[in-house]
Protein backbone atom coordinates (compact mmCIF):
# COMPACT_ATOMS: atom_id res chain seq x y z
CA MET A 1 -10.11 21.60 -2.37
CA SER A 2 -9.43 24.86 -4.42
CA PRO A 3 -11.53 24.57 -8.13
CA ARG A 4 -8.42 25.80 -9.67
CA PRO A 5 -7.41 22.01 -10.57
CA ILE A 6 -10.78 21.24 -12.25
CA LEU A 7 -10.06 24.29 -14.57
CA GLY A 8 -6.51 22.49 -15.56
CA LEU A 9 -8.69 19.10 -15.80
CA ALA A 10 -11.06 20.82 -18.19
CA ALA A 11 -8.56 22.80 -20.25
CA LEU A 12 -6.21 19.39 -20.73
CA ALA A 13 -9.76 17.34 -22.06
CA CYS A 14 -10.57 20.07 -24.33
CA ALA A 15 -6.75 20.06 -25.73
CA THR A 16 -6.34 16.66 -25.93
CA PRO A 17 -8.50 15.41 -29.35
CA ALA A 18 -5.68 17.40 -31.49
CA PHE A 19 -3.54 14.61 -30.50
CA ALA A 20 -5.82 11.97 -29.92
CA ASN A 21 -4.93 9.86 -33.37
CA THR A 22 -1.24 9.59 -32.09
CA PRO A 23 -0.55 6.14 -30.39
CA ALA A 24 0.50 6.70 -26.78
CA PRO A 25 3.84 5.97 -25.53
CA ASP A 26 3.95 2.84 -23.74
CA TYR A 27 5.61 2.60 -20.52
CA PRO A 28 5.40 -0.56 -18.86
CA ALA A 29 1.71 -0.54 -17.55
CA ALA A 30 2.73 -2.93 -14.34
CA ALA A 31 5.83 0.01 -13.32
CA ARG A 32 3.63 2.99 -13.78
CA GLY A 33 3.24 3.20 -9.94
CA ASP A 34 -0.78 1.74 -10.26
CA GLY A 35 -0.31 -1.77 -10.32
CA PRO A 36 -1.57 -4.38 -13.22
CA ILE A 37 -3.89 -3.21 -15.49
CA ASN A 38 -5.03 -6.49 -16.59
CA GLY A 39 -7.65 -8.39 -14.62
CA TYR A 40 -8.54 -7.33 -10.70
CA ASN A 41 -6.21 -4.66 -9.13
CA LEU A 42 -6.54 -3.45 -5.62
CA SER A 43 -7.12 0.23 -6.87
CA ARG A 44 -10.16 -0.76 -8.86
CA TRP A 45 -9.47 2.44 -11.12
CA ALA A 46 -6.54 0.96 -12.49
CA GLU A 47 -8.25 -1.90 -14.36
CA ASP A 48 -8.68 -1.79 -18.13
CA TRP A 49 -11.91 -4.00 -19.18
CA SER A 50 -12.06 -2.16 -22.74
CA ILE A 51 -12.13 -5.56 -24.14
CA TYR A 52 -15.50 -6.04 -23.40
CA ARG A 53 -16.40 -3.43 -26.15
CA ASP A 54 -16.43 -7.10 -28.07
CA PRO A 55 -19.60 -8.87 -26.82
CA ALA A 56 -18.18 -12.32 -27.90
CA ARG A 57 -15.29 -11.69 -25.07
CA ARG A 58 -18.20 -11.39 -22.32
CA ASP A 59 -18.99 -14.74 -20.19
CA ASP A 60 -21.94 -13.44 -18.17
CA PHE A 61 -23.69 -10.56 -16.64
CA LEU A 62 -21.06 -9.47 -14.70
CA ASP A 63 -18.85 -8.87 -17.46
CA ARG A 64 -21.30 -7.04 -19.24
CA LEU A 65 -21.23 -4.38 -16.28
CA LYS A 66 -17.71 -3.66 -17.14
CA TYR A 67 -18.61 -1.96 -20.37
CA LEU A 68 -21.97 -0.40 -20.34
CA PRO A 69 -21.90 2.10 -23.57
CA LEU A 70 -23.69 5.42 -22.89
CA ASP A 71 -23.43 6.62 -26.58
CA ASP A 72 -23.64 4.95 -30.40
CA ASP A 73 -19.99 4.78 -30.70
CA GLY A 74 -19.31 3.49 -27.27
CA ASP A 75 -16.88 6.17 -26.66
CA ILE A 76 -18.48 7.09 -23.72
CA TYR A 77 -18.94 4.16 -21.54
CA LEU A 78 -19.27 3.08 -17.72
CA THR A 79 -17.57 0.50 -15.88
CA LEU A 80 -19.06 -0.87 -12.48
CA SER A 81 -17.13 -2.50 -9.66
CA GLY A 82 -17.74 -4.25 -6.11
CA GLU A 83 -15.98 -5.75 -3.72
CA ALA A 84 -17.81 -7.96 -0.62
CA ARG A 85 -15.28 -9.23 1.93
CA VAL A 86 -16.11 -11.39 5.15
CA ARG A 87 -13.23 -12.03 7.73
CA MET A 88 -12.57 -13.32 10.85
CA ASN A 89 -9.30 -12.17 13.04
CA LEU A 90 -8.22 -14.16 16.09
CA THR A 91 -5.34 -12.99 18.20
CA SER A 92 -4.15 -14.47 21.66
CA ASN A 93 -2.48 -12.32 24.00
CA PRO A 94 -3.45 -8.74 22.47
CA GLN A 95 -0.59 -6.24 22.23
CA LEU A 96 1.92 -9.11 23.64
CA ILE A 97 0.13 -9.18 27.03
CA GLU A 98 -1.25 -12.31 28.74
CA GLY A 99 -4.87 -12.05 28.70
CA PRO A 100 -8.07 -12.58 27.05
CA GLU A 101 -7.89 -13.65 23.10
CA GLN A 102 -9.41 -11.11 20.40
CA ARG A 103 -11.59 -12.10 17.67
CA GLN A 104 -12.36 -9.55 15.09
CA ASP A 105 -15.75 -10.05 12.57
CA ILE A 106 -15.39 -7.64 9.94
CA VAL A 107 -17.25 -7.32 6.84
CA ARG A 108 -16.35 -4.64 3.84
CA LEU A 109 -18.46 -3.74 1.14
CA VAL A 110 -17.30 -1.52 -1.99
CA ALA A 111 -19.22 -0.57 -4.92
CA GLY A 112 -17.15 1.75 -7.65
CA ALA A 113 -18.46 3.35 -10.93
CA ASP A 114 -15.60 4.29 -13.56
CA LEU A 115 -17.15 6.86 -16.28
CA HIS A 116 -15.24 7.16 -19.09
CA VAL A 117 -15.90 10.38 -21.51
CA GLY A 118 -14.11 9.32 -24.78
CA ASP A 119 -10.35 8.33 -24.42
CA HIS A 120 -9.03 11.37 -22.51
CA LEU A 121 -11.47 12.34 -19.82
CA ARG A 122 -13.00 10.15 -16.64
CA PHE A 123 -14.69 10.36 -13.62
CA TYR A 124 -14.33 7.83 -10.70
CA GLY A 125 -16.68 7.49 -7.70
CA GLU A 126 -16.16 4.88 -4.85
CA VAL A 127 -18.32 4.16 -1.72
CA ALA A 128 -17.64 1.70 0.77
CA HIS A 129 -19.01 0.40 4.39
CA GLY A 130 -16.86 -1.63 7.08
CA SER A 131 -18.60 -3.31 10.18
CA ILE A 132 -16.58 -5.03 13.32
CA ASN A 133 -18.25 -7.19 15.95
CA GLY A 134 -16.23 -9.92 18.03
CA LYS A 135 -14.82 -10.35 21.39
CA ASN A 136 -12.47 -7.89 23.33
CA ILE A 137 -12.20 -5.44 20.34
CA GLY A 138 -12.14 -1.96 22.35
CA THR A 139 -13.00 1.12 20.42
CA PRO A 140 -12.41 0.39 16.69
CA ALA A 141 -10.93 3.47 14.39
CA GLY A 142 -13.00 4.49 11.46
CA THR A 143 -10.66 2.36 9.22
CA LEU A 144 -12.47 -0.83 10.95
CA ASN A 145 -15.73 0.43 11.59
CA ASN A 146 -17.61 2.87 9.17
CA ARG A 147 -20.72 2.88 8.34
CA PHE A 148 -20.68 4.65 5.12
CA VAL A 149 -17.54 6.75 3.36
CA ARG A 150 -17.26 8.25 0.10
CA GLN A 151 -13.68 5.88 -0.31
CA GLN A 152 -12.66 7.73 -3.52
CA TYR A 153 -13.93 10.26 -6.11
CA PHE A 154 -11.73 12.02 -8.61
CA ALA A 155 -11.71 13.81 -12.05
CA GLU A 156 -8.70 12.86 -14.61
CA ALA A 157 -7.82 13.98 -17.78
CA THR A 158 -5.00 12.71 -20.25
CA GLY A 159 -3.68 13.43 -23.70
CA ARG A 160 -0.13 13.91 -25.20
CA VAL A 161 2.13 17.17 -25.50
CA ALA A 162 5.17 16.76 -27.65
CA GLY A 163 5.40 13.00 -27.62
CA VAL A 164 4.94 12.65 -24.01
CA ASP A 165 2.06 11.28 -22.55
CA VAL A 166 0.49 13.57 -19.91
CA GLY A 167 -2.46 13.50 -17.32
CA VAL A 168 -3.61 15.20 -14.06
CA ARG A 169 -6.18 13.46 -11.36
CA TYR A 170 -7.86 15.74 -8.79
CA GLY A 171 -9.82 14.59 -5.82
CA ARG A 172 -9.78 11.76 -3.19
CA GLN A 173 -7.61 8.56 -4.55
CA GLU A 174 -5.71 5.92 -3.42
CA PHE A 175 -1.69 6.95 -4.26
CA THR A 176 0.82 4.25 -4.33
CA ASP A 177 3.64 5.36 -6.61
CA GLY A 178 6.49 4.47 -4.42
CA PRO A 179 7.70 1.23 -2.62
CA ASN A 180 4.82 -0.55 -0.81
CA LEU A 181 6.78 -0.41 2.60
CA LEU A 182 6.42 3.11 2.39
CA ILE A 183 3.06 4.09 0.96
CA SER A 184 0.29 1.40 0.00
CA GLN A 185 -3.39 1.41 -0.02
CA ARG A 186 -3.35 -0.79 3.43
CA ASP A 187 -6.00 -3.23 2.05
CA ASN A 188 -5.50 -5.03 5.40
CA ASN A 189 -7.91 -2.28 6.56
CA THR A 190 -11.64 -2.84 5.96
CA ILE A 191 -11.54 0.97 4.87
CA ARG A 192 -8.39 1.88 2.75
CA PHE A 193 -5.83 4.71 2.88
CA VAL A 194 -6.81 7.37 0.69
CA LEU A 195 -5.68 11.14 0.33
CA ASN A 196 -7.38 14.01 -0.72
CA GLY A 197 -5.35 16.52 -3.30
CA VAL A 198 -3.70 16.96 -7.05
CA ARG A 199 -1.77 14.03 -8.82
CA GLY A 200 0.16 14.91 -12.30
CA TRP A 201 2.31 12.77 -14.63
CA ALA A 202 4.09 12.45 -17.85
CA ARG A 203 5.71 9.37 -19.23
CA THR A 204 7.71 8.15 -22.26
CA PRO A 205 8.19 4.69 -23.12
CA THR A 206 11.60 4.72 -20.95
CA MET A 207 11.15 7.61 -18.29
CA ARG A 208 8.20 8.75 -16.08
CA ALA A 209 7.67 11.26 -13.26
CA THR A 210 4.89 11.65 -11.07
CA ILE A 211 4.08 14.99 -8.83
CA PHE A 212 1.75 14.92 -5.95
CA ASP A 213 0.45 17.07 -3.39
CA PHE A 214 -2.03 15.49 -0.98
CA GLU A 215 -3.71 15.95 2.47
CA THR A 216 -4.66 12.31 4.44
CA THR A 217 -8.33 11.58 5.63
CA ASP A 218 -9.47 11.70 8.77
CA LEU A 219 -11.88 8.92 8.92
CA GLY A 220 -14.97 8.98 11.11
CA ASN A 221 -17.39 6.10 12.15
CA GLY A 222 -20.65 7.31 10.94
CA GLY A 223 -22.11 8.18 7.71
CA LEU A 224 -20.95 10.34 4.58
CA GLY A 225 -20.11 13.42 6.39
CA ASP A 226 -17.71 12.65 8.87
CA ASP A 227 -14.82 11.42 6.71
CA VAL A 228 -12.98 14.70 5.90
CA PRO A 229 -9.46 15.93 4.93
CA ASP A 230 -6.93 16.14 7.36
CA LYS A 231 -5.31 19.60 7.13
CA ASN A 232 -2.69 18.58 9.77
CA ARG A 233 -1.22 15.98 7.48
CA ARG A 234 0.14 16.90 4.03
CA PHE A 235 2.19 14.61 1.68
CA SER A 236 3.98 15.81 -1.15
CA GLY A 237 6.84 15.59 -3.65
CA ILE A 238 7.93 13.66 -6.72
CA SER A 239 8.21 9.90 -7.89
CA ALA A 240 10.26 9.23 -11.05
CA GLY A 241 10.74 5.84 -13.00
CA PHE A 242 13.32 4.55 -15.57
CA VAL A 243 13.39 1.30 -17.38
CA LEU A 244 16.68 0.07 -17.58
CA PRO A 245 18.59 -1.53 -20.57
CA GLN A 246 17.42 -4.95 -20.83
CA HIS A 247 21.17 -6.04 -22.02
CA TRP A 248 22.73 -5.24 -18.37
CA LEU A 249 23.35 -8.16 -16.54
CA GLY A 250 22.84 -10.68 -19.49
CA GLY A 251 19.08 -10.03 -19.94
CA SER A 252 17.05 -8.42 -17.43
CA ARG A 253 13.65 -6.18 -16.84
CA LEU A 254 14.78 -3.76 -14.29
CA PHE A 255 13.17 -0.57 -12.95
CA PHE A 256 14.81 2.24 -11.20
CA ASP A 257 12.47 4.47 -9.37
CA PRO A 258 14.18 7.54 -7.40
CA PHE A 259 11.71 9.74 -5.26
CA LEU A 260 11.95 12.91 -3.07
CA TRP A 261 8.95 13.63 -0.84
CA ARG A 262 8.25 15.57 1.99
CA ARG A 263 5.62 14.78 4.76
CA ARG A 264 4.30 17.34 7.31
CA ASN A 265 2.35 16.57 10.63
CA ARG A 266 1.49 18.92 13.09
CA VAL A 267 0.68 16.69 15.73
CA GLY A 268 3.12 14.16 15.20
CA THR A 269 4.25 12.06 18.35
CA TRP A 270 7.46 10.63 19.70
CA GLY A 271 8.45 9.69 23.29
CA GLY A 272 4.82 11.00 24.57
CA ILE A 273 5.69 14.38 23.26
CA VAL A 274 3.38 16.07 20.49
CA ALA A 275 4.95 18.75 18.50
CA PRO A 276 5.18 19.88 14.44
CA ALA A 277 6.97 17.49 12.55
CA VAL A 278 8.60 17.93 9.02
CA ARG A 279 10.05 14.96 7.33
CA HIS A 280 11.68 14.38 4.04
CA TYR A 281 12.13 11.40 2.24
CA ALA A 282 15.07 11.10 -0.47
CA GLY A 283 15.15 7.46 -1.90
CA ALA A 284 15.27 5.01 -4.68
CA ARG A 285 13.74 1.65 -5.77
CA LEU A 286 15.61 -1.10 -7.78
CA TRP A 287 13.27 -3.95 -8.55
CA GLY A 288 12.28 -6.47 -11.38
CA ASP A 289 13.85 -9.62 -12.80
CA VAL A 290 16.97 -10.88 -14.08
CA GLY A 291 16.39 -14.27 -15.26
CA ARG A 292 14.88 -16.42 -12.60
CA LEU A 293 16.16 -13.85 -9.83
CA ALA A 294 13.65 -11.30 -8.70
CA VAL A 295 14.60 -8.36 -6.60
CA ASP A 296 13.19 -5.54 -4.86
CA TRP A 297 15.73 -3.27 -3.16
CA THR A 298 14.87 0.26 -1.43
CA LEU A 299 16.90 2.76 0.34
CA VAL A 300 15.73 5.84 1.61
CA HIS A 301 17.20 8.72 3.70
CA GLN A 302 14.57 10.66 6.11
CA TYR A 303 15.39 14.24 7.44
CA GLY A 304 14.03 17.25 8.76
CA GLU A 305 12.56 18.37 12.09
CA PHE A 306 10.54 17.30 14.86
CA GLN A 307 9.98 20.13 17.26
CA ASP A 308 13.39 21.82 17.39
CA ARG A 309 15.24 18.83 16.96
CA PRO A 310 16.96 17.42 14.09
CA ILE A 311 15.71 14.30 12.14
CA LYS A 312 18.24 11.73 10.70
CA ALA A 313 17.10 8.20 9.80
CA TRP A 314 17.29 5.43 7.56
CA GLN A 315 15.38 2.76 5.76
CA ALA A 316 16.84 -0.11 3.78
CA PHE A 317 14.43 -2.81 2.42
CA PHE A 318 16.51 -5.75 0.17
CA ALA A 319 14.16 -8.39 -0.99
CA GLN A 320 15.07 -11.12 -3.49
CA ASN A 321 13.83 -14.78 -4.50
CA TRP A 322 14.96 -17.43 -6.81
CA ARG A 323 12.37 -19.43 -9.19
CA LEU A 324 13.05 -22.92 -9.14
CA GLY A 325 11.99 -23.59 -12.78
CA GLU A 326 11.33 -22.22 -16.02
CA ASP A 327 7.71 -22.11 -15.16
CA LYS A 328 6.24 -18.77 -14.02
CA ALA A 329 4.20 -20.82 -11.11
CA ALA A 330 7.56 -22.71 -10.24
CA PRO A 331 8.33 -22.92 -6.39
CA ARG A 332 10.36 -19.69 -5.21
CA ILE A 333 13.05 -19.59 -2.35
CA GLY A 334 14.27 -16.03 -1.02
CA ILE A 335 15.03 -13.93 1.91
CA HIS A 336 14.16 -10.41 2.98
CA MET A 337 16.48 -8.37 4.91
CA ASP A 338 14.81 -5.13 6.43
CA TYR A 339 16.26 -2.03 8.33
CA GLY A 340 14.63 0.97 10.18
CA SER A 341 17.06 3.00 12.23
CA GLY A 342 16.04 3.97 15.94
CA GLY A 343 17.18 6.00 18.69
CA GLY A 344 16.29 9.46 20.11
CA GLY A 345 12.57 8.18 20.47
CA TYR A 346 13.08 9.31 24.47
CA ASP A 347 15.89 11.66 24.38
CA LYS A 348 16.19 15.47 23.39
CA GLY A 349 18.83 15.06 20.69
CA THR A 350 18.96 14.16 17.23
CA LEU A 351 15.58 11.75 16.35
CA ARG A 352 16.56 8.88 14.33
CA ASN A 353 13.31 6.73 14.38
CA ALA A 354 12.47 5.82 10.97
CA TYR A 355 8.73 6.44 9.93
CA ALA A 356 6.88 5.31 6.65
CA PRO A 357 4.09 7.49 5.49
CA TYR A 358 1.52 4.91 5.27
CA GLY A 359 3.54 1.87 4.45
CA ASN A 360 2.37 -2.02 4.50
CA ASN A 361 3.17 -3.45 7.83
CA VAL A 362 1.84 -6.94 7.42
CA TYR A 363 5.20 -7.37 5.70
CA PHE A 364 6.72 -7.52 8.94
CA SER A 365 4.06 -9.32 11.04
CA TYR A 366 0.32 -10.41 10.02
CA GLY A 367 -0.64 -9.59 13.27
CA LEU A 368 0.73 -5.91 13.28
CA PHE A 369 3.06 -6.58 16.08
CA LEU A 370 5.64 -4.73 14.76
CA THR A 371 7.02 -2.01 12.14
CA ALA A 372 10.34 -1.02 10.41
CA THR A 373 11.31 1.55 13.26
CA ASN A 374 13.92 0.64 15.45
CA LEU A 375 14.05 -2.68 13.57
CA ILE A 376 16.23 -5.23 12.41
CA ALA A 377 14.61 -8.45 10.58
CA VAL A 378 15.92 -11.42 8.40
CA ALA A 379 13.29 -13.56 6.73
CA PRO A 380 14.18 -16.55 4.42
CA ASN A 381 11.03 -17.72 2.78
CA VAL A 382 9.66 -20.29 0.12
CA THR A 383 6.48 -19.75 -2.09
CA PHE A 384 4.88 -22.95 -4.00
CA ASN A 385 1.77 -23.94 -5.45
CA PRO A 386 0.84 -27.31 -3.32
CA ALA A 387 -2.09 -27.84 -5.83
CA LYS A 388 -4.11 -26.07 -8.58
CA ASN A 389 -5.33 -22.58 -7.72
CA LEU A 390 -3.76 -22.70 -4.56
CA ARG A 391 -0.73 -20.48 -3.66
CA ALA A 392 1.28 -21.20 -0.12
CA SER A 393 3.86 -19.37 1.52
CA LEU A 394 5.90 -19.97 4.58
CA GLU A 395 8.20 -17.61 6.22
CA TYR A 396 10.52 -17.51 9.52
CA GLN A 397 11.51 -13.88 10.82
CA PHE A 398 14.16 -13.02 13.10
CA THR A 399 14.23 -9.79 14.55
CA TRP A 400 16.32 -7.24 16.67
CA ARG A 401 16.21 -3.91 17.54
CA ASP A 402 18.87 -1.16 16.11
CA ASP A 403 18.87 1.06 19.26
CA GLN A 404 18.96 -0.69 23.04
CA GLN A 405 17.91 3.06 24.26
CA ASP A 406 15.11 3.08 22.23
CA ALA A 407 11.50 1.31 22.37
CA VAL A 408 10.19 -1.76 20.27
CA TYR A 409 7.21 -0.38 18.28
CA ARG A 410 4.13 -1.85 17.01
CA ALA A 411 2.45 -1.16 13.38
CA ASN A 412 0.99 2.17 14.48
CA TYR A 413 4.35 3.47 16.04
CA ALA A 414 2.68 2.78 19.56
CA PRO A 415 5.72 1.85 21.73
CA TYR A 416 5.75 -1.45 23.68
CA VAL A 417 6.08 0.60 26.89
CA GLY A 418 9.19 -0.36 28.99
CA THR A 419 11.08 -1.68 26.13
CA GLU A 420 13.18 1.50 26.18
CA LEU A 421 14.41 0.67 29.72
CA VAL A 422 15.75 -2.78 29.49
CA ALA A 423 18.87 -4.30 27.92
CA GLY A 424 19.39 -6.63 24.78
CA LYS A 425 18.99 -6.70 21.12
CA ALA A 426 16.63 -9.85 20.46
CA VAL A 427 13.04 -8.60 19.77
CA ALA A 428 11.39 -11.70 18.70
CA ARG A 429 11.11 -14.47 16.11
CA LEU A 430 8.04 -14.96 13.89
CA ALA A 431 6.90 -18.12 11.95
CA ARG A 432 3.73 -17.20 9.30
CA ALA A 433 2.18 -19.16 6.69
CA GLN A 434 -0.41 -17.95 4.13
CA LEU A 435 -2.53 -19.63 1.68
CA ILE A 436 -4.55 -18.10 -1.16
CA TYR A 437 -7.47 -20.55 -2.99
CA SER A 438 -8.73 -19.07 -5.76
CA ILE A 439 -11.95 -20.91 -5.85
CA ALA A 440 -13.25 -19.26 -8.98
CA PRO A 441 -12.04 -16.23 -10.83
CA ARG A 442 -13.87 -13.57 -8.77
CA LEU A 443 -14.04 -15.60 -5.35
CA THR A 444 -10.89 -16.24 -3.20
CA LEU A 445 -10.20 -17.26 0.15
CA THR A 446 -7.18 -16.68 2.13
CA ALA A 447 -5.82 -17.90 5.46
CA ARG A 448 -3.23 -16.39 7.25
CA ALA A 449 -1.26 -17.98 10.38
CA GLU A 450 1.51 -16.44 12.84
CA TYR A 451 3.13 -17.31 15.88
CA LEU A 452 5.02 -14.41 17.66
CA GLY A 453 7.99 -15.84 20.09
CA ALA A 454 8.73 -13.24 22.25
CA GLY A 455 12.61 -12.43 22.69
CA THR A 456 14.82 -11.03 25.32
CA VAL A 457 13.80 -7.60 25.05
CA LEU A 458 10.07 -8.26 25.12
CA ARG A 459 10.34 -10.71 28.17
CA ARG A 460 12.28 -8.61 30.16
CA ALA A 461 9.40 -5.54 29.58
CA GLY A 462 6.90 -8.15 30.78
CA TYR A 463 5.54 -8.98 27.05
CA THR A 464 4.64 -12.33 26.20
CA ASP A 465 4.31 -14.70 23.13
CA ALA A 466 1.20 -14.45 20.75
CA THR A 467 -0.51 -15.93 18.02
CA PHE A 468 -2.54 -14.52 15.10
CA LEU A 469 -5.09 -16.15 12.93
CA GLY A 470 -6.89 -14.48 9.92
CA THR A 471 -9.15 -15.78 7.44
CA TRP A 472 -11.36 -14.05 4.62
CA LEU A 473 -13.48 -14.78 1.76
CA SER A 474 -13.56 -12.08 -0.98
CA PHE A 475 -15.96 -11.82 -4.06
CA ARG A 476 -14.96 -9.31 -6.43
CA PHE A 477 -16.45 -8.01 -9.82
């Protein structure tokens, strides 16, 4: 990566003391594209543990590790973080082909350090280990089996210019400023999805914008030297956000997040053909709460070129649920309806297959049997607390395909070979359940179960039903 962004960071850091005494604008933290800052976050650098500057707020020695002052004033301090996760996945009929079950025994270890140098400069680093054993596991990718990886490392400078909160971050980092079904950390993997490059942002109390330019990461299986930027895959664009007036709809807390992205892949693959692809994403997300109703709606148009063929695709995700009481922990009933266009994967004309840059595929199938390409899904659901510190979710999903001449696709976009040759629309029905038990503030037990009943399309192509069971214990500090 070029040294120029580092020079920009230094310049911004040097400039910030001039306006250090001015209160920063308060664009809602949960809507900045990083997730919550209070408590634990999937992206550990998004957490704010400055409350532990006060010794009276600390309960044990692990709290002490969240604020380690390195100067007399405490303006320079270090925050340490870590995670240990042990997990087992059990899948019957892997790849929906009748055969021996698959068992994955997985370990994740992560250690992070966040160095704050005053209010405007920070350096973050994170290393991780992932290992997998079990039965019928094949050749695991670097996302599951990685002896040692520099998972994240970046420098960041922030400040205020003309009343606007601004910042820039350069290095290897997680980037999730967009709809989760399009871009996510992919926490389901042992080693998370990270990118290499630069991100800059500007925020006021009601508006924000983020610009970015990244290369993805090609993960190896060995030590620190084989996880390198992937020069074949580049992701860039702008994500914005607006706080909508609260008086709309009789009192609401809604956010509107438009985005315009570009993804370049020099080794794109569709229908067995490998060729350069450029795909643009123009879309928007509306999300938040209107009283007891929570909504999360995304619509995105995709266009560009694959080889010498035009790309014209759509994705739409509409999730909503209703809280059955005034208490924030009251049960919720909901439904999500999802669409990913298909068609052209095996033709020579326009490619209409939708493609998410690096979305959260667990949303469509715990066992990663499906993804939002050539897919229509409707899933009613309910979430409730059957006991203290226990959260349960139940869901039943109906799934069809959009184009009968195109295949059904797995989470990694590999087709179920032969489905493009059979007639029919019904793909599968999926019943799934999830339990999350907070044993202690830092210790969580999660269990997932899913049954996929193969529909007409899958059965005609020779595929069968499958069951997925997953459970893991996660300790974080």
